[in-house]
Amino acid sequence: MSVKVYNKLIRDKIPQIIEQSGKQAIIKKASGKEYLDSLNAKLSEELQEYLESQSIEELADLVEVVYAILDDKNISLQQFELIRKQKVQERGAFKEKLLLKEVVDG
């Protein structure tokens, strides 16, 4: 018998998928700070996976974590979109693909 330790946040259906493969998943439910810390760690993990693969599937995983963080903070997608649009109005988006090279004072 071998045991592989993960200690990370997983999607809701992963325990069933593991059990269907004939293995046993030992899980616990996170809450509060532990859950938010786990979401932040998952965000970093998914970002790294996207950066390495440039895969749309990994980008979707990244967005799923963002949605979970918003839900944990009781922020609706509509509220989030309003914040995003306000930032676009104030600072712009990235449509012009501008790179800031230098700022010269004086």
PDB file of N, CA and C in Angstrom:
ATOM      1  N   MET A   1       0.847  -1.186   0.000  1.00  0.00           N
ATOM      2  CA  MET A   1       0.000   0.000   0.000  1.00  0.00           C
ATOM      3  C   MET A   1       0.890   1.246   0.000  1.00  0.00           C
ATOM      4  N   SER A   2       0.611   2.164  -0.913  1.00  0.00           N
ATOM      5  CA  SER A   2       1.356   3.424  -0.940  1.00  0.00           C
ATOM      6  C   SER A   2       0.400   4.579  -0.673  1.00  0.00           C
ATOM      7  N   VAL A   3       0.945   5.615  -0.085  1.00  0.00           N
ATOM      8  CA  VAL A   3       0.162   6.803   0.242  1.00  0.00           C
ATOM      9  C   VAL A   3       0.844   8.004  -0.401  1.00  0.00           C
ATOM     10  N   LYS A   4       0.066   8.797  -1.124  1.00  0.00           N
ATOM     11  CA  LYS A   4       0.582  10.035  -1.705  1.00  0.00           C
ATOM     12  C   LYS A   4      -0.121  11.192  -0.998  1.00  0.00           C
ATOM     13  N   VAL A   5       0.649  12.097  -0.412  1.00  0.00           N
ATOM     14  CA  VAL A   5       0.111  13.218   0.358  1.00  0.00           C
ATOM     15  C   VAL A   5       0.032  14.452  -0.541  1.00  0.00           C
ATOM     16  N   TYR A   6      -1.120  15.117  -0.528  1.00  0.00           N
ATOM     17  CA  TYR A   6      -1.326  16.311  -1.348  1.00  0.00           C
ATOM     18  C   TYR A   6      -1.516  17.576  -0.511  1.00  0.00           C
ATOM     19  N   ASN A   7      -2.404  17.535   0.479  1.00  0.00           N
ATOM     20  CA  ASN A   7      -2.707  18.704   1.309  1.00  0.00           C
ATOM     21  C   ASN A   7      -2.987  19.945   0.474  1.00  0.00           C
ATOM     22  N   LYS A   8      -3.911  19.821  -0.480  1.00  0.00           N
ATOM     23  CA  LYS A   8      -4.259  20.972  -1.310  1.00  0.00           C
ATOM     24  C   LYS A   8      -5.755  20.955  -1.609  1.00  0.00           C
ATOM     25  N   LEU A   9      -6.253  22.113  -1.975  1.00  0.00           N
ATOM     26  CA  LEU A   9      -7.653  22.269  -2.341  1.00  0.00           C
ATOM     27  C   LEU A   9      -7.926  21.540  -3.649  1.00  0.00           C
ATOM     28  N   ILE A  10      -9.054  20.835  -3.692  1.00  0.00           N
ATOM     29  CA  ILE A  10      -9.425  20.089  -4.899  1.00  0.00           C
ATOM     30  C   ILE A  10     -10.838  20.455  -5.323  1.00  0.00           C
ATOM     31  N   ARG A  11     -11.143  20.174  -6.575  1.00  0.00           N
ATOM     32  CA  ARG A  11     -12.504  20.378  -7.078  1.00  0.00           C
ATOM     33  C   ARG A  11     -13.458  19.381  -6.416  1.00  0.00           C
ATOM     34  N   ASP A  12     -14.735  19.729  -6.383  1.00  0.00           N
ATOM     35  CA  ASP A  12     -15.747  18.978  -5.647  1.00  0.00           C
ATOM     36  C   ASP A  12     -15.892  17.515  -6.054  1.00  0.00           C
ATOM     37  N   LYS A  13     -15.679  17.198  -7.308  1.00  0.00           N
ATOM     38  CA  LYS A  13     -15.911  15.826  -7.776  1.00  0.00           C
ATOM     39  C   LYS A  13     -14.667  14.934  -7.724  1.00  0.00           C
ATOM     40  N   ILE A  14     -13.540  15.478  -7.307  1.00  0.00           N
ATOM     41  CA  ILE A  14     -12.293  14.706  -7.279  1.00  0.00           C
ATOM     42  C   ILE A  14     -12.372  13.495  -6.344  1.00  0.00           C
ATOM     43  N   PRO A  15     -12.969  13.603  -5.138  1.00  0.00           N
ATOM     44  CA  PRO A  15     -13.045  12.404  -4.289  1.00  0.00           C
ATOM     45  C   PRO A  15     -13.765  11.232  -4.969  1.00  0.00           C
ATOM     46  N   GLN A  16     -14.865  11.500  -5.679  1.00  0.00           N
ATOM     47  CA  GLN A  16     -15.583  10.432  -6.384  1.00  0.00           C
ATOM     48  C   GLN A  16     -14.735   9.854  -7.507  1.00  0.00           C
ATOM     49  N   ILE A  17     -14.023  10.699  -8.211  1.00  0.00           N
ATOM     50  CA  ILE A  17     -13.162  10.232  -9.302  1.00  0.00           C
ATOM     51  C   ILE A  17     -12.065   9.326  -8.748  1.00  0.00           C
ATOM     52  N   ILE A  18     -11.490   9.704  -7.613  1.00  0.00           N
ATOM     53  CA  ILE A  18     -10.455   8.880  -6.982  1.00  0.00           C
ATOM     54  C   ILE A  18     -11.032   7.533  -6.567  1.00  0.00           C
ATOM     55  N   GLU A  19     -12.206   7.553  -5.936  1.00  0.00           N
ATOM     56  CA  GLU A  19     -12.827   6.310  -5.480  1.00  0.00           C
ATOM     57  C   GLU A  19     -13.225   5.415  -6.643  1.00  0.00           C
ATOM     58  N   GLN A  20     -13.656   6.005  -7.752  1.00  0.00           N
ATOM     59  CA  GLN A  20     -13.999   5.208  -8.937  1.00  0.00           C
ATOM     60  C   GLN A  20     -12.778   4.508  -9.515  1.00  0.00           C
ATOM     61  N   SER A  21     -11.597   5.031  -9.212  1.00  0.00           N
ATOM     62  CA  SER A  21     -10.372   4.397  -9.699  1.00  0.00           C
ATOM     63  C   SER A  21      -9.877   3.312  -8.741  1.00  0.00           C
ATOM     64  N   GLY A  22     -10.671   3.037  -7.695  1.00  0.00           N
ATOM     65  CA  GLY A  22     -10.323   1.980  -6.757  1.00  0.00           C
ATOM     66  C   GLY A  22      -9.435   2.419  -5.614  1.00  0.00           C
ATOM     67  N   LYS A  23      -9.247   3.705  -5.454  1.00  0.00           N
ATOM     68  CA  LYS A  23      -8.408   4.233  -4.376  1.00  0.00           C
ATOM     69  C   LYS A  23      -9.289   4.918  -3.343  1.00  0.00           C
ATOM     70  N   GLN A  24      -8.710   5.249  -2.209  1.00  0.00           N
ATOM     71  CA  GLN A  24      -9.444   5.921  -1.142  1.00  0.00           C
ATOM     72  C   GLN A  24      -8.901   7.333  -0.965  1.00  0.00           C
ATOM     73  N   ALA A  25      -9.792   8.310  -0.950  1.00  0.00           N
ATOM     74  CA  ALA A  25      -9.402   9.705  -0.746  1.00  0.00           C
ATOM     75  C   ALA A  25      -9.687  10.090   0.702  1.00  0.00           C
ATOM     76  N   ILE A  26      -8.695  10.563   1.397  1.00  0.00           N
ATOM     77  CA  ILE A  26      -8.871  11.086   2.752  1.00  0.00           C
ATOM     78  C   ILE A  26      -8.979  12.603   2.606  1.00  0.00           C
ATOM     79  N   ILE A  27     -10.142  13.130   2.961  1.00  0.00           N
ATOM     80  CA  ILE A  27     -10.393  14.559   2.769  1.00  0.00           C
ATOM     81  C   ILE A  27     -10.868  15.202   4.061  1.00  0.00           C
ATOM     82  N   LYS A  28     -10.809  16.495   4.113  1.00  0.00           N
ATOM     83  CA  LYS A  28     -11.425  17.280   5.178  1.00  0.00           C
ATOM     84  C   LYS A  28     -11.986  18.539   4.538  1.00  0.00           C
ATOM     85  N   LYS A  29     -12.953  19.126   5.181  1.00  0.00           N
ATOM     86  CA  LYS A  29     -13.558  20.345   4.658  1.00  0.00           C
ATOM     87  C   LYS A  29     -12.866  21.555   5.282  1.00  0.00           C
ATOM     88  N   ALA A  30     -12.399  22.445   4.452  1.00  0.00           N
ATOM     89  CA  ALA A  30     -11.732  23.662   4.925  1.00  0.00           C
ATOM     90  C   ALA A  30     -12.770  24.749   5.164  1.00  0.00           C
ATOM     91  N   SER A  31     -12.448  25.663   6.039  1.00  0.00           N
ATOM     92  CA  SER A  31     -13.334  26.806   6.255  1.00  0.00           C
ATOM     93  C   SER A  31     -12.504  27.993   6.722  1.00  0.00           C
ATOM     94  N   GLY A  32     -13.115  29.154   6.671  1.00  0.00           N
ATOM     95  CA  GLY A  32     -12.471  30.360   7.174  1.00  0.00           C
ATOM     96  C   GLY A  32     -11.143  30.664   6.509  1.00  0.00           C
ATOM     97  N   LYS A  33     -10.166  31.011   7.334  1.00  0.00           N
ATOM     98  CA  LYS A  33      -8.841  31.394   6.850  1.00  0.00           C
ATOM     99  C   LYS A  33      -8.164  30.241   6.120  1.00  0.00           C
ATOM    100  N   GLU A  34      -8.354  29.020   6.604  1.00  0.00           N
ATOM    101  CA  GLU A  34      -7.741  27.866   5.946  1.00  0.00           C
ATOM    102  C   GLU A  34      -8.238  27.740   4.504  1.00  0.00           C
ATOM    103  N   TYR A  35      -9.537  27.970   4.290  1.00  0.00           N
ATOM    104  CA  TYR A  35     -10.102  27.887   2.947  1.00  0.00           C
ATOM    105  C   TYR A  35      -9.537  28.987   2.054  1.00  0.00           C
ATOM    106  N   LEU A  36      -9.513  30.224   2.552  1.00  0.00           N
ATOM    107  CA  LEU A  36      -8.986  31.329   1.743  1.00  0.00           C
ATOM    108  C   LEU A  36      -7.499  31.128   1.447  1.00  0.00           C
ATOM    109  N   ASP A  37      -6.740  30.673   2.436  1.00  0.00           N
ATOM    110  CA  ASP A  37      -5.319  30.373   2.204  1.00  0.00           C
ATOM    111  C   ASP A  37      -5.164  29.290   1.140  1.00  0.00           C
ATOM    112  N   SER A  38      -6.039  28.284   1.191  1.00  0.00           N
ATOM    113  CA  SER A  38      -5.998  27.197   0.202  1.00  0.00           C
ATOM    114  C   SER A  38      -6.361  27.704  -1.187  1.00  0.00           C
ATOM    115  N   LEU A  39      -7.335  28.600  -1.260  1.00  0.00           N
ATOM    116  CA  LEU A  39      -7.695  29.204  -2.546  1.00  0.00           C
ATOM    117  C   LEU A  39      -6.526  30.013  -3.108  1.00  0.00           C
ATOM    118  N   ASN A  40      -5.863  30.762  -2.256  1.00  0.00           N
ATOM    119  CA  ASN A  40      -4.722  31.563  -2.713  1.00  0.00           C
ATOM    120  C   ASN A  40      -3.588  30.672  -3.203  1.00  0.00           C
ATOM    121  N   ALA A  41      -3.348  29.564  -2.506  1.00  0.00           N
ATOM    122  CA  ALA A  41      -2.320  28.614  -2.947  1.00  0.00           C
ATOM    123  C   ALA A  41      -2.720  27.988  -4.280  1.00  0.00           C
ATOM    124  N   LYS A  42      -4.009  27.658  -4.426  1.00  0.00           N
ATOM    125  CA  LYS A  42      -4.506  27.070  -5.675  1.00  0.00           C
ATOM    126  C   LYS A  42      -4.393  28.086  -6.812  1.00  0.00           C
ATOM    127  N   LEU A  43      -4.652  29.351  -6.533  1.00  0.00           N
ATOM    128  CA  LEU A  43      -4.520  30.408  -7.541  1.00  0.00           C
ATOM    129  C   LEU A  43      -3.087  30.458  -8.065  1.00  0.00           C
ATOM    130  N   SER A  44      -2.142  30.401  -7.155  1.00  0.00           N
ATOM    131  CA  SER A  44      -0.731  30.401  -7.539  1.00  0.00           C
ATOM    132  C   SER A  44      -0.385  29.153  -8.351  1.00  0.00           C
ATOM    133  N   GLU A  45      -0.883  27.994  -7.913  1.00  0.00           N
ATOM    134  CA  GLU A  45      -0.638  26.730  -8.625  1.00  0.00           C
ATOM    135  C   GLU A  45      -1.194  26.785 -10.046  1.00  0.00           C
ATOM    136  N   GLU A  46      -2.432  27.246 -10.176  1.00  0.00           N
ATOM    137  CA  GLU A  46      -3.069  27.296 -11.495  1.00  0.00           C
ATOM    138  C   GLU A  46      -2.392  28.325 -12.398  1.00  0.00           C
ATOM    139  N   LEU A  47      -1.953  29.444 -11.826  1.00  0.00           N
ATOM    140  CA  LEU A  47      -1.226  30.437 -12.617  1.00  0.00           C
ATOM    141  C   LEU A  47       0.064  29.833 -13.162  1.00  0.00           C
ATOM    142  N   GLN A  48       0.795  29.124 -12.310  1.00  0.00           N
ATOM    143  CA  GLN A  48       2.043  28.498 -12.749  1.00  0.00           C
ATOM    144  C   GLN A  48       1.774  27.478 -13.858  1.00  0.00           C
ATOM    145  N   GLU A  49       0.712  26.677 -13.691  1.00  0.00           N
ATOM    146  CA  GLU A  49       0.367  25.688 -14.720  1.00  0.00           C
ATOM    147  C   GLU A  49       0.013  26.366 -16.039  1.00  0.00           C
ATOM    148  N   TYR A  50      -0.719  27.487 -15.967  1.00  0.00           N
ATOM    149  CA  TYR A  50      -1.052  28.213 -17.193  1.00  0.00           C
ATOM    150  C   TYR A  50       0.210  28.785 -17.844  1.00  0.00           C
ATOM    151  N   LEU A  51       1.074  29.399 -17.043  1.00  0.00           N
ATOM    152  CA  LEU A  51       2.290  29.999 -17.596  1.00  0.00           C
ATOM    153  C   LEU A  51       3.166  28.959 -18.285  1.00  0.00           C
ATOM    154  N   GLU A  52       3.198  27.754 -17.731  1.00  0.00           N
ATOM    155  CA  GLU A  52       4.012  26.690 -18.325  1.00  0.00           C
ATOM    156  C   GLU A  52       3.389  26.125 -19.597  1.00  0.00           C
ATOM    157  N   SER A  53       2.055  26.024 -19.632  1.00  0.00           N
ATOM    158  CA  SER A  53       1.392  25.345 -20.752  1.00  0.00           C
ATOM    159  C   SER A  53       0.766  26.290 -21.775  1.00  0.00           C
ATOM    160  N   GLN A  54       0.401  27.502 -21.343  1.00  0.00           N
ATOM    161  CA  GLN A  54      -0.344  28.452 -22.178  1.00  0.00           C
ATOM    162  C   GLN A  54      -1.670  27.852 -22.656  1.00  0.00           C
ATOM    163  N   SER A  55      -2.185  26.883 -21.928  1.00  0.00           N
ATOM    164  CA  SER A  55      -3.400  26.159 -22.308  1.00  0.00           C
ATOM    165  C   SER A  55      -4.652  26.900 -21.845  1.00  0.00           C
ATOM    166  N   ILE A  56      -5.652  26.939 -22.703  1.00  0.00           N
ATOM    167  CA  ILE A  56      -6.932  27.564 -22.361  1.00  0.00           C
ATOM    168  C   ILE A  56      -7.590  26.814 -21.207  1.00  0.00           C
ATOM    169  N   GLU A  57      -7.405  25.498 -21.133  1.00  0.00           N
ATOM    170  CA  GLU A  57      -7.963  24.709 -20.035  1.00  0.00           C
ATOM    171  C   GLU A  57      -7.376  25.162 -18.697  1.00  0.00           C
ATOM    172  N   GLU A  58      -6.089  25.436 -18.671  1.00  0.00           N
ATOM    173  CA  GLU A  58      -5.455  25.918 -17.435  1.00  0.00           C
ATOM    174  C   GLU A  58      -5.933  27.329 -17.106  1.00  0.00           C
ATOM    175  N   LEU A  59      -6.159  28.146 -18.116  1.00  0.00           N
ATOM    176  CA  LEU A  59      -6.696  29.482 -17.895  1.00  0.00           C
ATOM    177  C   LEU A  59      -8.103  29.386 -17.304  1.00  0.00           C
ATOM    178  N   ALA A  60      -8.897  28.424 -17.781  1.00  0.00           N
ATOM    179  CA  ALA A  60     -10.238  28.201 -17.228  1.00  0.00           C
ATOM    180  C   ALA A  60     -10.150  27.774 -15.763  1.00  0.00           C
ATOM    181  N   ASP A  61      -9.160  26.941 -15.431  1.00  0.00           N
ATOM    182  CA  ASP A  61      -8.956  26.540 -14.033  1.00  0.00           C
ATOM    183  C   ASP A  61      -8.630  27.757 -13.174  1.00  0.00           C
ATOM    184  N   LEU A  62      -7.810  28.640 -13.693  1.00  0.00           N
ATOM    185  CA  LEU A  62      -7.434  29.860 -12.986  1.00  0.00           C
ATOM    186  C   LEU A  62      -8.670  30.719 -12.709  1.00  0.00           C
ATOM    187  N   VAL A  63      -9.512  30.875 -13.712  1.00  0.00           N
ATOM    188  CA  VAL A  63     -10.734  31.670 -13.557  1.00  0.00           C
ATOM    189  C   VAL A  63     -11.680  31.009 -12.558  1.00  0.00           C
ATOM    190  N   GLU A  64     -11.743  29.683 -12.554  1.00  0.00           N
ATOM    191  CA  GLU A  64     -12.594  28.969 -11.593  1.00  0.00           C
ATOM    192  C   GLU A  64     -12.171  29.284 -10.161  1.00  0.00           C
ATOM    193  N   VAL A  65     -10.872  29.370  -9.929  1.00  0.00           N
ATOM    194  CA  VAL A  65     -10.379  29.722  -8.594  1.00  0.00           C
ATOM    195  C   VAL A  65     -10.755  31.167  -8.265  1.00  0.00           C
ATOM    196  N   VAL A  66     -10.646  32.065  -9.231  1.00  0.00           N
ATOM    197  CA  VAL A  66     -11.056  33.459  -9.012  1.00  0.00           C
ATOM    198  C   VAL A  66     -12.533  33.503  -8.627  1.00  0.00           C
ATOM    199  N   TYR A  67     -13.372  32.750  -9.325  1.00  0.00           N
ATOM    200  CA  TYR A  67     -14.800  32.703  -8.987  1.00  0.00           C
ATOM    201  C   TYR A  67     -15.014  32.210  -7.563  1.00  0.00           C
ATOM    202  N   ALA A  68     -14.251  31.204  -7.141  1.00  0.00           N
ATOM    203  CA  ALA A  68     -14.384  30.672  -5.777  1.00  0.00           C
ATOM    204  C   ALA A  68     -13.959  31.716  -4.742  1.00  0.00           C
ATOM    205  N   ILE A  69     -12.920  32.482  -5.051  1.00  0.00           N
ATOM    206  CA  ILE A  69     -12.481  33.544  -4.140  1.00  0.00           C
ATOM    207  C   ILE A  69     -13.565  34.614  -4.027  1.00  0.00           C
ATOM    208  N   LEU A  70     -14.140  34.996  -5.157  1.00  0.00           N
ATOM    209  CA  LEU A  70     -15.229  35.976  -5.137  1.00  0.00           C
ATOM    210  C   LEU A  70     -16.391  35.471  -4.298  1.00  0.00           C
ATOM    211  N   ASP A  71     -16.754  34.206  -4.478  1.00  0.00           N
ATOM    212  CA  ASP A  71     -17.847  33.609  -3.710  1.00  0.00           C
ATOM    213  C   ASP A  71     -17.524  33.634  -2.217  1.00  0.00           C
ATOM    214  N   ASP A  72     -16.289  33.297  -1.862  1.00  0.00           N
ATOM    215  CA  ASP A  72     -15.881  33.298  -0.457  1.00  0.00           C
ATOM    216  C   ASP A  72     -15.958  34.696   0.143  1.00  0.00           C
ATOM    217  N   LYS A  73     -15.719  35.714  -0.680  1.00  0.00           N
ATOM    218  CA  LYS A  73     -15.764  37.101  -0.216  1.00  0.00           C
ATOM    219  C   LYS A  73     -17.154  37.726  -0.397  1.00  0.00           C
ATOM    220  N   ASN A  74     -18.124  36.890  -0.792  1.00  0.00           N
ATOM    221  CA  ASN A  74     -19.506  37.341  -1.012  1.00  0.00           C
ATOM    222  C   ASN A  74     -19.594  38.476  -2.029  1.00  0.00           C
ATOM    223  N   ILE A  75     -18.819  38.350  -3.089  1.00  0.00           N
ATOM    224  CA  ILE A  75     -18.847  39.326  -4.179  1.00  0.00           C
ATOM    225  C   ILE A  75     -19.423  38.631  -5.409  1.00  0.00           C
ATOM    226  N   SER A  76     -20.492  39.182  -5.949  1.00  0.00           N
ATOM    227  CA  SER A  76     -21.125  38.572  -7.120  1.00  0.00           C
ATOM    228  C   SER A  76     -20.292  38.844  -8.369  1.00  0.00           C
ATOM    229  N   LEU A  77     -20.536  38.040  -9.394  1.00  0.00           N
ATOM    230  CA  LEU A  77     -19.857  38.270 -10.671  1.00  0.00           C
ATOM    231  C   LEU A  77     -20.221  39.641 -11.232  1.00  0.00           C
ATOM    232  N   GLN A  78     -21.456  40.076 -10.992  1.00  0.00           N
ATOM    233  CA  GLN A  78     -21.887  41.391 -11.463  1.00  0.00           C
ATOM    234  C   GLN A  78     -21.101  42.501 -10.757  1.00  0.00           C
ATOM    235  N   GLN A  79     -20.924  42.368  -9.435  1.00  0.00           N
ATOM    236  CA  GLN A  79     -20.142  43.363  -8.693  1.00  0.00           C
ATOM    237  C   GLN A  79     -18.697  43.378  -9.186  1.00  0.00           C
ATOM    238  N   PHE A  80     -18.151  42.190  -9.384  1.00  0.00           N
ATOM    239  CA  PHE A  80     -16.772  42.062  -9.849  1.00  0.00           C
ATOM    240  C   PHE A  80     -16.610  42.705 -11.225  1.00  0.00           C
ATOM    241  N   GLU A  81     -17.566  42.463 -12.095  1.00  0.00           N
ATOM    242  CA  GLU A  81     -17.513  43.029 -13.446  1.00  0.00           C
ATOM    243  C   GLU A  81     -17.608  44.557 -13.397  1.00  0.00           C
ATOM    244  N   LEU A  82     -18.413  45.089 -12.488  1.00  0.00           N
ATOM    245  CA  LEU A  82     -18.484  46.549 -12.330  1.00  0.00           C
ATOM    246  C   LEU A  82     -17.139  47.116 -11.889  1.00  0.00           C
ATOM    247  N   ILE A  83     -16.486  46.443 -10.959  1.00  0.00           N
ATOM    248  CA  ILE A  83     -15.162  46.876 -10.499  1.00  0.00           C
ATOM    249  C   ILE A  83     -14.171  46.825 -11.657  1.00  0.00           C
ATOM    250  N   ARG A  84     -14.210  45.728 -12.419  1.00  0.00           N
ATOM    251  CA  ARG A  84     -13.312  45.580 -13.565  1.00  0.00           C
ATOM    252  C   ARG A  84     -13.535  46.705 -14.576  1.00  0.00           C
ATOM    253  N   LYS A  85     -14.804  46.978 -14.892  1.00  0.00           N
ATOM    254  CA  LYS A  85     -15.124  48.022 -15.873  1.00  0.00           C
ATOM    255  C   LYS A  85     -14.716  49.404 -15.379  1.00  0.00           C
ATOM    256  N   GLN A  86     -14.868  49.645 -14.080  1.00  0.00           N
ATOM    257  CA  GLN A  86     -14.456  50.927 -13.508  1.00  0.00           C
ATOM    258  C   GLN A  86     -12.945  51.107 -13.665  1.00  0.00           C
ATOM    259  N   LYS A  87     -12.189  50.043 -13.421  1.00  0.00           N
ATOM    260  CA  LYS A  87     -10.734  50.123 -13.596  1.00  0.00           C
ATOM    261  C   LYS A  87     -10.374  50.369 -15.058  1.00  0.00           C
ATOM    262  N   VAL A  88     -11.103  49.742 -15.970  1.00  0.00           N
ATOM    263  CA  VAL A  88     -10.862  49.967 -17.401  1.00  0.00           C
ATOM    264  C   VAL A  88     -11.125  51.430 -17.740  1.00  0.00           C
ATOM    265  N   GLN A  89     -12.204  51.970 -17.192  1.00  0.00           N
ATOM    266  CA  GLN A  89     -12.540  53.366 -17.467  1.00  0.00           C
ATOM    267  C   GLN A  89     -11.465  54.309 -16.919  1.00  0.00           C
ATOM    268  N   GLU A  90     -10.969  54.020 -15.715  1.00  0.00           N
ATOM    269  CA  GLU A  90      -9.987  54.895 -15.073  1.00  0.00           C
ATOM    270  C   GLU A  90      -8.574  54.715 -15.628  1.00  0.00           C
ATOM    271  N   ARG A  91      -8.182  53.461 -15.892  1.00  0.00           N
ATOM    272  CA  ARG A  91      -6.797  53.159 -16.239  1.00  0.00           C
ATOM    273  C   ARG A  91      -6.617  52.563 -17.629  1.00  0.00           C
ATOM    274  N   GLY A  92      -7.736  52.183 -18.249  1.00  0.00           N
ATOM    275  CA  GLY A  92      -7.657  51.524 -19.545  1.00  0.00           C
ATOM    276  C   GLY A  92      -7.581  50.014 -19.389  1.00  0.00           C
ATOM    277  N   ALA A  93      -7.487  49.337 -20.526  1.00  0.00           N
ATOM    278  CA  ALA A  93      -7.376  47.875 -20.537  1.00  0.00           C
ATOM    279  C   ALA A  93      -5.975  47.537 -21.056  1.00  0.00           C
ATOM    280  N   PHE A  94      -5.860  46.477 -21.808  1.00  0.00           N
ATOM    281  CA  PHE A  94      -4.567  46.087 -22.391  1.00  0.00           C
ATOM    282  C   PHE A  94      -4.683  45.916 -23.903  1.00  0.00           C
ATOM    283  N   LYS A  95      -5.690  46.541 -24.496  1.00  0.00           N
ATOM    284  CA  LYS A  95      -5.953  46.378 -25.924  1.00  0.00           C
ATOM    285  C   LYS A  95      -4.845  46.942 -26.803  1.00  0.00           C
ATOM    286  N   GLU A  96      -4.202  48.011 -26.346  1.00  0.00           N
ATOM    287  CA  GLU A  96      -3.164  48.645 -27.163  1.00  0.00           C
ATOM    288  C   GLU A  96      -1.796  47.990 -27.003  1.00  0.00           C
ATOM    289  N   LYS A  97      -1.698  47.000 -26.119  1.00  0.00           N
ATOM    290  CA  LYS A  97      -0.471  46.193 -25.949  1.00  0.00           C
ATOM    291  C   LYS A  97       0.752  47.050 -25.628  1.00  0.00           C
ATOM    292  N   LEU A  98       0.569  48.048 -24.770  1.00  0.00           N
ATOM    293  CA  LEU A  98       1.638  48.985 -24.433  1.00  0.00           C
ATOM    294  C   LEU A  98       2.586  48.400 -23.393  1.00  0.00           C
ATOM    295  N   LEU A  99       3.885  48.578 -23.607  1.00  0.00           N
ATOM    296  CA  LEU A  99       4.914  48.205 -22.639  1.00  0.00           C
ATOM    297  C   LEU A  99       5.588  49.481 -22.155  1.00  0.00           C
ATOM    298  N   LEU A 100       5.604  49.714 -20.860  1.00  0.00           N
ATOM    299  CA  LEU A 100       6.281  50.886 -20.304  1.00  0.00           C
ATOM    300  C   LEU A 100       7.766  50.571 -20.194  1.00  0.00           C
ATOM    301  N   LYS A 101       8.572  51.298 -20.921  1.00  0.00           N
ATOM    302  CA  LYS A 101      10.016  51.059 -20.931  1.00  0.00           C
ATOM    303  C   LYS A 101      10.721  51.884 -19.858  1.00  0.00           C
ATOM    304  N   GLU A 102      10.408  53.173 -19.791  1.00  0.00           N
ATOM    305  CA  GLU A 102      11.077  54.063 -18.844  1.00  0.00           C
ATOM    306  C   GLU A 102      10.163  55.229 -18.523  1.00  0.00           C
ATOM    307  N   VAL A 103      10.430  55.866 -17.397  1.00  0.00           N
ATOM    308  CA  VAL A 103       9.806  57.139 -17.049  1.00  0.00           C
ATOM    309  C   VAL A 103      10.947  58.084 -16.704  1.00  0.00           C
ATOM    310  N   VAL A 104      11.025  59.189 -17.425  1.00  0.00           N
ATOM    311  CA  VAL A 104      12.098  60.157 -17.212  1.00  0.00           C
ATOM    312  C   VAL A 104      11.539  61.311 -16.402  1.00  0.00           C
ATOM    313  N   ASP A 105      12.179  61.613 -15.295  1.00  0.00           N
ATOM    314  CA  ASP A 105      11.750  62.706 -14.425  1.00  0.00           C
ATOM    315  C   ASP A 105      12.477  63.981 -14.839  1.00  0.00           C
ATOM    316  N   GLY A 106      11.697  64.995 -15.210  1.00  0.00           N
ATOM    317  CA  GLY A 106      12.281  66.290 -15.534  1.00  0.00           C
ATOM    318  C   GLY A 106      12.656  66.360 -16.929  1.00  0.00           C
TER     319      GLY A 106
END
